[in-house]
């Protein structure tokens, strides 16, 4: 399925499959038990719960890009933190708290202050189990055989070092524990609200980056991401982010966390193959997603800050989609349009964009590129124009810009410095110093071009070696730098 059905009630939470029986939970194409199974869902799989429907059904999306219905009995949404998983308590020694801690945190439990006793208290904290305040209080932690308990992710577990004592969980810190849980709950609520609010800013964010003919198609994909995977992608990164916010992980990890968010969205859209083409851009986009997470973390209950986060998410998502389309044009130029369309067949991206429409669009871009009529990825996806000639009222040329970037609000001039060290035959010294060259070739000539925009330029013209279409003179004059 690739569409979110009408009706039902919006949920917008991360869920986890809680059934560990012999037969796995079934994801269905309709809210009934007829022969309509899309796939099975394993125990502990995280899903994004989009809506709830009468009869005990939830409409969810999976990390693989599938959408469908699951019986609500098999999905829990009250996770203590976004990356937590479930564990079925065994009988005997394997069911002791120290054994469970060793199973999940053994490789991390060798540093001072965070040994297995610490991780026993992590388990108690996540499952709301009271621990005596003595130094041996951890020994009293018990979990009943057969019960399902929460096991927090490692990044979150390590972030509790300022809350949980290495040997016990004191009663004096109980208020702090409740506060940390409430903070995480507020963070996830803010994330959900901001993602939903981002819909109102998507059109403007996309309009800054795409031609008008593309916006509707790209908007459809953006809304699919917002409704289908955004919360789960951000929550996956949020487990590590919480560690950063609480001081348990170095803040240098922030961009990497945002990068991971971008990768999850790519994988869900069926576009994991683009990572190699767009790795550098994804680093920049990762920083944008990280900025969003920081905004909603600090928002508290302030609606204005949640709204600011919504704008930040819309901008980051638009940037990601622009990178996707630019990478697809590059792949099509090297591998062919048919191969590129076939590569996308059956993916969430291909279904929503429309395979025929995508093929036609790529064909047009490649033809333009090969014929020298523009169509380079940067020009197609952003408002970037090459070789823009300036002319006065009589049509006389008065200058030329090598490029105009309306999205970035920049005038571009390319200058070669290869002869800068050429010697003057009379003096035996370089004809000009680097400073003199920069002042004349970069500052002087560019200033002259910009001044010409105001007077005497009255029109702009395309050149045969540049972009087929160029911005009107009136649009160039609106650059804030002028």
Protein backbone atom coordinates (compact mmCIF):
# COMPACT_ATOMS: atom_id res chain seq x y z
CA UNK A 1 0.00 0.00 0.00
CA UNK A 2 1.15 3.52 -0.65
CA UNK A 3 -1.81 5.61 0.57
CA UNK A 4 -3.06 6.57 4.02
CA UNK A 5 -6.76 5.62 4.22
CA UNK A 6 -9.52 8.08 5.02
CA UNK A 7 -11.30 7.96 8.36
CA UNK A 8 -10.05 6.66 11.67
CA UNK A 9 -8.34 8.70 14.37
CA UNK A 10 -4.82 10.09 14.08
CA UNK A 11 -2.35 8.52 16.50
CA UNK A 12 1.14 9.59 15.47
CA UNK A 13 3.16 7.43 17.86
CA UNK A 14 5.99 4.93 17.70
CA UNK A 15 4.81 1.39 18.35
CA UNK A 16 6.50 -1.96 18.90
CA UNK A 17 5.31 -5.47 18.02
CA UNK A 18 4.76 -7.21 21.36
CA UNK A 19 3.93 -10.73 20.11
CA UNK A 20 6.70 -13.34 20.36
CA UNK A 21 4.64 -16.44 19.55
CA UNK A 22 5.50 -19.07 16.93
CA UNK A 23 3.50 -17.35 14.19
CA UNK A 24 4.40 -13.74 13.52
CA UNK A 25 1.97 -10.84 13.48
CA UNK A 26 0.42 -10.17 10.07
CA UNK A 27 0.35 -6.82 8.30
CA UNK A 28 -2.86 -6.66 6.26
CA UNK A 29 -4.11 -4.56 3.37
CA UNK A 30 -7.55 -4.14 4.99
CA UNK A 31 -8.88 -4.09 8.57
CA UNK A 32 -10.13 -7.68 8.56
CA UNK A 33 -8.74 -11.23 8.70
CA UNK A 34 -9.48 -12.21 5.11
CA UNK A 35 -6.67 -13.41 2.84
CA UNK A 36 -5.02 -10.01 2.60
CA UNK A 37 -1.59 -10.44 4.20
CA UNK A 38 1.10 -8.04 2.97
CA UNK A 39 3.89 -9.48 5.12
CA UNK A 40 4.62 -10.68 8.66
CA UNK A 41 6.06 -8.49 11.40
CA UNK A 42 8.63 -9.92 13.83
CA UNK A 43 8.68 -9.46 17.58
CA UNK A 44 10.26 -6.17 18.68
CA UNK A 45 9.84 -4.46 15.29
CA UNK A 46 9.33 -0.71 15.63
CA UNK A 47 6.51 0.73 13.52
CA UNK A 48 4.93 4.15 13.14
CA UNK A 49 1.29 4.06 14.17
CA UNK A 50 -0.52 6.50 11.89
CA UNK A 51 -4.21 5.93 12.68
CA UNK A 52 -6.55 3.78 14.74
CA UNK A 53 -9.78 2.30 13.36
CA UNK A 54 -12.90 0.73 14.84
CA UNK A 55 -12.74 -2.97 15.55
CA UNK A 56 -9.30 -2.84 17.17
CA UNK A 57 -7.18 -2.06 14.10
CA UNK A 58 -4.16 0.20 13.71
CA UNK A 59 -2.83 1.53 10.41
CA UNK A 60 0.97 1.44 10.57
CA UNK A 61 4.06 1.86 8.44
CA UNK A 62 7.16 -0.34 8.68
CA UNK A 63 10.87 0.49 8.28
CA UNK A 64 10.72 -1.24 4.86
CA UNK A 65 8.15 1.16 3.41
CA UNK A 66 5.09 -1.09 3.80
CA UNK A 67 1.79 0.34 5.03
CA UNK A 68 -1.10 -1.69 6.33
CA UNK A 69 -3.36 -2.74 9.19
CA UNK A 70 -2.38 -4.60 12.37
CA UNK A 71 -4.57 -5.77 15.24
CA UNK A 72 -4.03 -3.28 18.06
CA UNK A 73 -3.57 -6.13 20.57
CA UNK A 74 -0.14 -6.80 19.10
CA UNK A 75 1.21 -3.23 19.21
CA UNK A 76 2.27 -1.22 22.26
CA UNK A 77 2.85 2.51 21.99
CA UNK A 78 3.91 3.43 25.54
CA UNK A 79 7.66 2.99 25.03
CA UNK A 80 9.81 4.50 27.82
CA UNK A 81 12.16 5.87 25.14
CA UNK A 82 12.07 5.62 21.32
CA UNK A 83 14.65 2.84 20.85
CA UNK A 84 13.52 0.59 23.71
CA UNK A 85 12.84 -3.08 22.98
CA UNK A 86 10.99 -5.85 24.83
CA UNK A 87 12.35 -8.87 26.67
CA UNK A 88 10.45 -11.94 27.85
CA UNK A 89 11.71 -12.86 31.35
CA UNK A 90 13.02 -16.42 31.51
CA UNK A 91 12.99 -18.83 34.42
CA UNK A 92 15.86 -19.39 36.82
CA UNK A 93 19.24 -17.67 36.68
CA UNK A 94 18.64 -16.31 33.16
CA UNK A 95 15.63 -14.43 34.51
CA UNK A 96 17.59 -12.48 37.13
CA UNK A 97 18.04 -8.75 36.64
CA UNK A 98 21.83 -9.05 36.53
CA UNK A 99 21.63 -11.74 33.81
CA UNK A 100 19.26 -9.63 31.71
CA UNK A 101 21.56 -6.62 32.10
CA UNK A 102 24.52 -8.71 30.99
CA UNK A 103 22.61 -9.97 27.93
CA UNK A 104 21.93 -6.49 26.58
CA UNK A 105 24.69 -4.33 28.06
CA UNK A 106 27.52 -6.76 28.79
CA UNK A 107 29.94 -5.27 26.27
CA UNK A 108 29.29 -1.78 27.67
CA UNK A 109 29.49 -2.69 31.36
CA UNK A 110 33.25 -2.58 31.85
CA UNK A 111 33.78 1.11 32.56
CA UNK A 112 33.98 2.56 36.02
CA UNK A 113 30.61 3.80 37.28
CA UNK A 114 28.66 1.94 34.60
CA UNK A 115 29.03 -1.73 35.43
CA UNK A 116 26.24 -4.33 35.50
CA UNK A 117 24.84 -2.92 38.75
CA UNK A 118 24.30 0.38 36.97
CA UNK A 119 22.44 -1.35 34.12
CA UNK A 120 20.25 -3.26 36.58
CA UNK A 121 19.11 0.14 37.81
CA UNK A 122 18.56 1.23 34.20
CA UNK A 123 16.15 -1.70 33.78
CA UNK A 124 14.42 -0.81 37.04
CA UNK A 125 14.10 2.81 35.97
CA UNK A 126 12.57 1.92 32.58
CA UNK A 127 10.06 -0.47 34.16
CA UNK A 128 9.12 1.75 37.15
CA UNK A 129 10.53 -0.70 39.69
CA UNK A 130 11.43 0.87 43.05
CA UNK A 131 14.98 0.21 44.27
CA UNK A 132 16.04 0.46 47.93
CA UNK A 133 18.41 3.37 48.53
CA UNK A 134 21.17 1.29 50.10
CA UNK A 135 24.38 0.63 48.16
CA UNK A 136 23.20 -2.94 47.60
CA UNK A 137 19.69 -1.92 46.58
CA UNK A 138 20.20 -3.20 43.02
CA UNK A 139 20.19 -6.75 44.41
CA UNK A 140 16.51 -6.39 45.26
CA UNK A 141 15.43 -5.78 41.65
CA UNK A 142 13.20 -8.65 40.51
CA UNK A 143 11.24 -9.34 37.34
CA UNK A 144 8.53 -11.99 37.20
CA UNK A 145 8.97 -15.04 35.01
CA UNK A 146 7.02 -14.78 31.74
CA UNK A 147 6.50 -11.01 31.88
CA UNK A 148 7.57 -8.65 29.12
CA UNK A 149 9.89 -5.89 30.32
CA UNK A 150 11.42 -2.85 28.62
CA UNK A 151 15.10 -2.78 27.72
CA UNK A 152 16.25 0.77 26.83
CA UNK A 153 18.68 1.41 23.99
CA UNK A 154 22.34 1.76 24.95
CA UNK A 155 22.64 5.47 24.17
CA UNK A 156 19.68 6.28 26.38
CA UNK A 157 20.88 3.92 29.13
CA UNK A 158 24.25 5.66 29.23
CA UNK A 159 22.56 9.05 29.37
CA UNK A 160 21.15 8.24 32.82
CA UNK A 161 24.54 8.41 34.52
CA UNK A 162 23.64 11.67 36.26
CA UNK A 163 20.33 10.23 37.42
CA UNK A 164 21.18 6.69 38.45
CA UNK A 165 23.82 5.91 41.05
CA UNK A 166 26.45 3.35 40.10
CA UNK A 167 25.25 1.09 42.90
CA UNK A 168 21.70 2.12 43.69
CA UNK A 169 18.80 4.33 42.78
CA UNK A 170 18.17 6.67 45.71
CA UNK A 171 14.74 7.80 46.78
CA UNK A 172 16.02 11.40 46.77
CA UNK A 173 16.36 11.16 42.99
CA UNK A 174 12.87 9.80 42.42
CA UNK A 175 11.57 13.26 41.55
CA UNK A 176 14.42 13.69 39.06
CA UNK A 177 13.58 10.35 37.46
CA UNK A 178 9.98 11.34 36.95
CA UNK A 179 11.13 14.66 35.51
CA UNK A 180 13.40 12.93 32.98
CA UNK A 181 10.58 10.66 31.85
CA UNK A 182 8.25 13.64 31.50
CA UNK A 183 10.92 15.51 29.52
CA UNK A 184 11.26 12.62 27.07
CA UNK A 185 7.48 12.35 26.73
CA UNK A 186 7.30 16.11 26.04
CA UNK A 187 10.10 15.79 23.47
CA UNK A 188 8.27 13.06 21.54
CA UNK A 189 5.00 14.99 21.73
CA UNK A 190 6.72 18.13 20.43
CA UNK A 191 8.30 16.12 17.61
CA UNK A 192 4.94 14.75 16.53
CA UNK A 193 3.23 18.15 16.67
CA UNK A 194 6.03 19.85 14.74
CA UNK A 195 6.03 17.17 12.03
CA UNK A 196 2.28 17.50 11.57
CA UNK A 197 2.53 21.31 11.52
CA UNK A 198 5.30 21.15 8.91
CA UNK A 199 2.65 20.42 6.26
CA UNK A 200 1.68 24.10 6.22
CA UNK A 201 5.27 25.12 5.41
CA UNK A 202 6.12 22.45 2.83
CA UNK A 203 4.78 24.37 -0.16
CA UNK A 204 6.98 27.40 0.55
CA UNK A 205 10.01 25.25 1.36
CA UNK A 206 9.63 23.29 -1.89
CA UNK A 207 8.95 26.46 -3.88
CA UNK A 208 12.41 27.74 -2.98
CA UNK A 209 14.03 24.69 -4.50
CA UNK A 210 11.90 23.33 -7.36
CA UNK A 211 10.36 24.49 -10.61
CA UNK A 212 6.60 24.97 -10.48
CA UNK A 213 5.92 21.91 -12.65
CA UNK A 214 7.66 19.69 -10.11
CA UNK A 215 6.17 20.99 -6.90
CA UNK A 216 2.94 18.96 -6.88
CA UNK A 217 4.78 15.67 -7.43
CA UNK A 218 7.43 16.44 -4.83
CA UNK A 219 4.79 17.70 -2.39
CA UNK A 220 3.01 14.34 -2.68
CA UNK A 221 6.23 12.58 -1.68
CA UNK A 222 6.87 15.05 1.14
CA UNK A 223 3.39 14.46 2.58
CA UNK A 224 3.92 10.71 2.32
CA UNK A 225 7.11 11.05 4.36
CA UNK A 226 5.41 13.28 6.94
CA UNK A 227 2.50 10.89 7.38
CA UNK A 228 4.32 7.61 6.97
CA UNK A 229 7.88 7.58 8.31
CA UNK A 230 9.02 10.95 9.68
CA UNK A 231 8.18 10.29 13.32
CA UNK A 232 9.77 6.84 13.33
CA UNK A 233 12.89 8.12 11.56
CA UNK A 234 13.28 10.94 14.06
CA UNK A 235 12.47 8.72 17.02
CA UNK A 236 15.17 6.26 15.96
CA UNK A 237 17.68 9.08 16.07
CA UNK A 238 16.05 10.52 19.18
CA UNK A 239 17.24 7.62 21.33
CA UNK A 240 20.82 8.74 20.76
CA UNK A 241 19.78 12.40 20.78
CA UNK A 242 18.40 12.06 24.30
CA UNK A 243 21.83 10.83 25.33
CA UNK A 244 23.34 14.02 23.92
CA UNK A 245 20.74 16.24 25.58
CA UNK A 246 21.21 14.60 28.99
CA UNK A 247 24.98 14.81 28.63
CA UNK A 248 25.70 11.10 28.38
CA UNK A 249 27.04 11.27 24.81
CA UNK A 250 29.32 13.85 23.21
CA UNK A 251 27.46 16.53 21.26
CA UNK A 252 29.76 15.87 18.29
CA UNK A 253 27.42 12.96 17.57
CA UNK A 254 24.62 15.40 16.67
CA UNK A 255 25.29 15.62 12.93
CA UNK A 256 25.72 11.85 12.75
CA UNK A 257 22.32 11.40 14.40
CA UNK A 258 20.73 13.72 11.83
CA UNK A 259 22.54 11.83 9.06
CA UNK A 260 20.96 8.61 10.34
CA UNK A 261 17.51 10.23 10.15
CA UNK A 262 18.11 11.03 6.48
CA UNK A 263 19.24 7.46 5.77
CA UNK A 264 16.11 5.99 7.37
CA UNK A 265 13.87 8.16 5.17
CA UNK A 266 15.88 7.16 2.08
CA UNK A 267 15.57 3.46 2.93
CA UNK A 268 11.84 3.75 3.54
CA UNK A 269 11.37 5.41 0.15
CA UNK A 270 13.36 2.57 -1.42
CA UNK A 271 16.29 4.85 -2.30
CA UNK A 272 19.14 3.45 -0.21
CA UNK A 273 21.16 3.09 -3.43
CA UNK A 274 21.47 6.88 -3.61
CA UNK A 275 23.64 7.16 -0.51
CA UNK A 276 26.86 6.84 -2.50
CA UNK A 277 25.76 9.62 -4.87
CA UNK A 278 24.61 12.02 -2.20
CA UNK A 279 26.79 11.33 0.84
CA UNK A 280 28.19 14.86 1.10
CA UNK A 281 24.76 16.45 0.74
CA UNK A 282 23.38 14.07 3.37
CA UNK A 283 25.94 15.35 5.86
CA UNK A 284 24.58 18.87 5.38
CA UNK A 285 21.00 17.63 5.60
CA UNK A 286 21.90 15.65 8.72
CA UNK A 287 22.89 18.90 10.39
CA UNK A 288 19.49 20.35 9.43
CA UNK A 289 17.59 17.41 10.98
CA UNK A 290 19.76 17.71 14.08
CA UNK A 291 18.85 21.40 14.37
CA UNK A 292 15.19 20.36 14.26
CA UNK A 293 15.68 17.84 17.09
CA UNK A 294 17.42 20.48 19.20
CA UNK A 295 14.59 22.94 18.59
CA UNK A 296 11.82 20.58 19.71
CA UNK A 297 13.87 19.39 22.69
CA UNK A 298 14.18 22.96 23.98
CA UNK A 299 10.60 23.90 23.10
CA UNK A 300 9.02 22.68 26.33
CA UNK A 301 5.35 23.58 26.02
CA UNK A 302 5.89 26.72 23.91
CA UNK A 303 3.77 26.61 20.76
CA UNK A 304 5.96 29.24 19.06
CA UNK A 305 9.03 27.01 19.43
CA UNK A 306 7.17 23.95 18.16
CA UNK A 307 6.11 26.04 15.17
CA UNK A 308 9.74 27.04 14.61
CA UNK A 309 10.61 23.35 14.69
CA UNK A 310 7.91 22.69 12.08
CA UNK A 311 9.52 25.21 9.73
CA UNK A 312 12.93 23.67 10.34
CA UNK A 313 11.63 20.19 9.52
CA UNK A 314 9.93 21.39 6.32
CA UNK A 315 13.18 23.01 5.17
CA UNK A 316 15.26 19.91 5.99
CA UNK A 317 12.80 17.60 4.20
CA UNK A 318 12.70 19.85 1.13
CA UNK A 319 16.50 19.84 1.07
CA UNK A 320 16.54 16.04 1.26
CA UNK A 321 14.05 15.69 -1.61
CA UNK A 322 16.06 18.11 -3.72
CA UNK A 323 19.16 16.01 -3.13
CA UNK A 324 17.23 12.87 -4.10
CA UNK A 325 16.11 14.30 -7.44
CA UNK A 326 19.53 15.72 -8.21
CA UNK A 327 21.09 12.30 -7.56
CA UNK A 328 18.48 10.62 -9.79
CA UNK A 329 19.31 12.96 -12.68
CA UNK A 330 22.99 12.13 -12.26
CA UNK A 331 22.29 8.39 -12.19
CA UNK A 332 20.05 8.66 -15.26
CA UNK A 333 22.77 10.56 -17.11
CA UNK A 334 25.24 7.74 -16.49
CA UNK A 335 23.01 4.63 -16.49
CA UNK A 336 20.08 5.65 -18.70
CA UNK A 337 16.53 6.67 -17.93
CA UNK A 338 15.02 3.20 -18.36
CA UNK A 339 17.49 1.64 -15.94
CA UNK A 340 16.82 4.39 -13.41
CA UNK A 341 13.04 4.02 -13.65
CA UNK A 342 13.34 0.22 -13.34
CA UNK A 343 15.51 0.71 -10.26
CA UNK A 344 12.70 2.73 -8.66
CA UNK A 345 9.86 0.43 -9.72
CA UNK A 346 7.84 -0.73 -6.72
CA UNK A 347 9.44 1.70 -4.28
CA UNK A 348 7.37 4.12 -2.22
CA UNK A 349 9.08 6.97 -4.09
CA UNK A 350 8.34 5.53 -7.53
CA UNK A 351 4.71 4.79 -6.71
CA UNK A 352 3.99 8.26 -5.38
CA UNK A 353 5.91 10.24 -8.02
CA UNK A 354 4.50 8.07 -10.83
CA UNK A 355 6.89 5.90 -12.83
CA UNK A 356 5.74 7.15 -16.24
CA UNK A 357 5.86 10.75 -15.09
CA UNK A 358 9.31 10.22 -13.57
CA UNK A 359 10.58 8.66 -16.80
CA UNK A 360 9.26 11.54 -18.90
CA UNK A 361 10.78 14.08 -16.54
CA UNK A 362 14.19 12.35 -16.54
CA UNK A 363 14.08 12.04 -20.35
CA UNK A 364 13.51 15.78 -20.67
CA UNK A 365 16.31 16.59 -18.24
CA UNK A 366 18.81 14.29 -19.97
CA UNK A 367 17.87 15.59 -23.45
CA UNK A 368 18.36 19.16 -22.30
CA UNK A 369 21.68 18.29 -20.74
CA UNK A 370 23.01 16.51 -23.85
CA UNK A 371 21.78 19.25 -26.18
CA UNK A 372 23.48 21.94 -24.13
CA UNK A 373 20.15 23.55 -23.27
CA UNK A 374 20.67 23.53 -19.52
CA UNK A 375 19.03 20.89 -17.45
CA UNK A 376 21.98 20.37 -15.15
CA UNK A 377 20.79 19.06 -11.77
CA UNK A 378 21.59 22.31 -9.98
CA UNK A 379 19.63 24.30 -12.56
CA UNK A 380 16.66 21.94 -12.65
CA UNK A 381 16.19 21.66 -8.93
CA UNK A 382 17.25 25.10 -7.74
CA UNK A 383 16.87 28.45 -9.43
CA UNK A 384 20.44 28.57 -10.73
CA UNK A 385 21.14 30.17 -14.12
CA UNK A 386 24.38 30.04 -16.16
CA UNK A 387 25.83 32.75 -18.39
CA UNK A 388 23.27 35.55 -17.94
CA UNK A 389 23.94 38.53 -20.23
CA UNK A 390 23.01 42.08 -19.21
CA UNK A 391 21.85 44.59 -21.84
CA UNK A 392 20.71 48.22 -21.90
CA UNK A 393 17.56 49.71 -23.42
CA UNK A 394 19.06 49.61 -26.92
CA UNK A 395 19.98 45.94 -26.62
CA UNK A 396 23.68 46.70 -26.22
CA UNK A 397 25.56 44.22 -23.97
CA UNK A 398 26.85 45.82 -20.77
CA UNK A 399 28.19 42.73 -19.00
CA UNK A 400 27.56 39.14 -18.04
CA UNK A 401 27.25 37.03 -14.90
CA UNK A 402 28.74 33.53 -15.01
CA UNK A 403 25.87 32.46 -12.77
CA UNK A 404 22.91 33.72 -10.75
CA UNK A 405 21.67 31.63 -7.82
CA UNK A 406 18.24 32.92 -6.82
CA UNK A 407 17.80 30.28 -4.12
CA UNK A 408 21.09 31.13 -2.44
CA UNK A 409 20.77 34.85 -3.34
CA UNK A 410 24.22 34.93 -4.95
CA UNK A 411 25.84 36.27 -8.11
CA UNK A 412 28.52 33.89 -9.41
CA UNK A 413 31.76 34.87 -11.14
CA UNK A 414 34.38 32.31 -12.23
CA UNK A 415 37.94 33.60 -12.56
CA UNK A 416 41.08 31.60 -13.43
CA UNK A 417 44.32 32.51 -11.66
CA UNK A 418 46.60 30.23 -13.65
CA UNK A 419 48.73 33.12 -15.05
CA UNK A 420 48.92 35.10 -11.86
CA UNK A 421 52.63 34.32 -11.40
CA UNK A 422 53.60 35.16 -14.99
CA UNK A 423 56.68 37.41 -14.97
CA UNK A 424 56.89 40.86 -16.50
CA UNK A 425 59.64 40.59 -19.19
CA UNK A 426 60.97 44.06 -18.33
CA UNK A 427 61.10 43.79 -14.53
CA UNK A 428 61.44 40.04 -14.07
CA UNK A 429 58.77 40.20 -11.34
CA UNK A 430 55.19 38.89 -11.30
CA UNK A 431 52.89 41.21 -13.21
CA UNK A 432 50.53 41.46 -10.24
CA UNK A 433 50.30 40.27 -6.67
CA UNK A 434 47.48 37.92 -5.56
CA UNK A 435 45.88 40.85 -3.75
CA UNK A 436 46.02 43.04 -6.86
CA UNK A 437 44.60 40.23 -8.98
CA UNK A 438 41.73 39.56 -6.56
CA UNK A 439 40.95 43.26 -6.26
CA UNK A 440 40.76 43.69 -10.02
CA UNK A 441 39.34 40.39 -11.27
CA UNK A 442 37.03 39.48 -8.39
CA UNK A 443 36.03 42.59 -6.49
CA UNK A 444 36.32 45.22 -9.22
CA UNK A 445 34.64 43.37 -12.08
CA UNK A 446 31.91 41.81 -9.94
CA UNK A 447 31.11 45.18 -8.38
CA UNK A 448 30.87 46.63 -11.88
CA UNK A 449 28.42 43.89 -12.94
CA UNK A 450 26.23 44.45 -9.88
CA UNK A 451 26.27 48.21 -10.40
CA UNK A 452 25.24 47.66 -14.02
CA UNK A 453 22.09 45.91 -12.80
CA UNK A 454 20.86 49.24 -11.46
CA UNK A 455 22.01 51.34 -14.40
CA UNK A 456 22.08 51.05 -17.43
CA UNK A 457 20.77 47.44 -17.56
CA UNK A 458 17.10 47.10 -18.51
CA UNK A 459 17.00 43.45 -19.62
CA UNK A 460 18.67 40.05 -19.25
CA UNK A 461 19.30 37.58 -22.07
CA UNK A 462 20.17 33.91 -22.37
CA UNK A 463 23.32 32.89 -24.22
CA UNK A 464 23.85 29.81 -26.37
CA UNK A 465 26.38 28.38 -23.91
CA UNK A 466 24.25 29.09 -20.85
CA UNK A 467 20.85 28.30 -19.37
CA UNK A 468 17.93 28.27 -21.78
CA UNK A 469 15.85 30.49 -19.52
CA UNK A 470 17.15 33.34 -17.36
CA UNK A 471 15.52 35.44 -14.63
CA UNK A 472 14.07 38.82 -15.63
CA UNK A 473 16.01 41.96 -14.82
CA UNK A 474 13.45 43.00 -12.21
CA UNK A 475 13.98 39.71 -10.34
CA UNK A 476 17.77 40.14 -10.26
CA UNK A 477 17.39 43.62 -8.78
CA UNK A 478 15.57 42.21 -5.74
CA UNK A 479 18.70 40.53 -4.33
CA UNK A 480 19.03 41.78 -0.71
CA UNK A 481 22.75 42.43 -1.32
CA UNK A 482 21.86 45.24 -3.72
